Amino acid sequence: SSTIVVQAPIIDTLPKFTNSSTISVSGFSSNAVRVEIYIDGEKSAETSVDSSRFKYENLKLKEGENNISAKAFDASDTASDFSETVKIVFNNKEPKLEVTSPFENQEFSVNNRIKVEGNTQKDVQVFANGFLANVSVDGKFDVTIPLLEGENNVEVKAVDEASNAKVITVKVIFRK
């Protein structure tokens, strides 16, 4: 007699970083009727398999790193091996952002291009009025942006890998 082996489920691609405390986990599992989902080796959820597909909405993540894997079960409750583990980092804290130049109500003349400088943390993208800044490994950033004559709002925005953002707006004045 031949036994049908329950294949380990395949989890669909998940983001490496998220700022949401819950995610949806879906995937493929042949010869299975249900799938158990684990975070860091602990069973966290269970869902049914329909036409070899499974989906579980609102899987609760813990702050920081979550190692997600799954096991499939057939109708006679035979378990598969674990799926490949997918690592996802949950972070919902805004990134650090400090603008050191320009300062509020600073006036500029002659050259309408100014350098925006400050500090953030590593692996953060910084934009000033939509222009992407250079960010060093120690978090220092700078970018040169154009000003219009008169009052200008310089919007500096830091965005981390989990899409958390922090915005600082500085008003400056340019006179020809």
Foldseek 3Di string as FASTA:
>chain_A
DDDDAWAAWEWPDDAQEAQDQFAKIKTFTPQFQKKFKDWPPHTQDMFGADPRMTMDGGRGHDAFKTWMWMWGAHPVRDIHDIYHTRIHHHDNDAWDWDWPPDAAAAEAEDAQKDKTKTFTAPQKWKDWVRHTWDADNRGITIDIDGDDAAKDWIWIWIAHSNRHIDIDIGIYHYHD
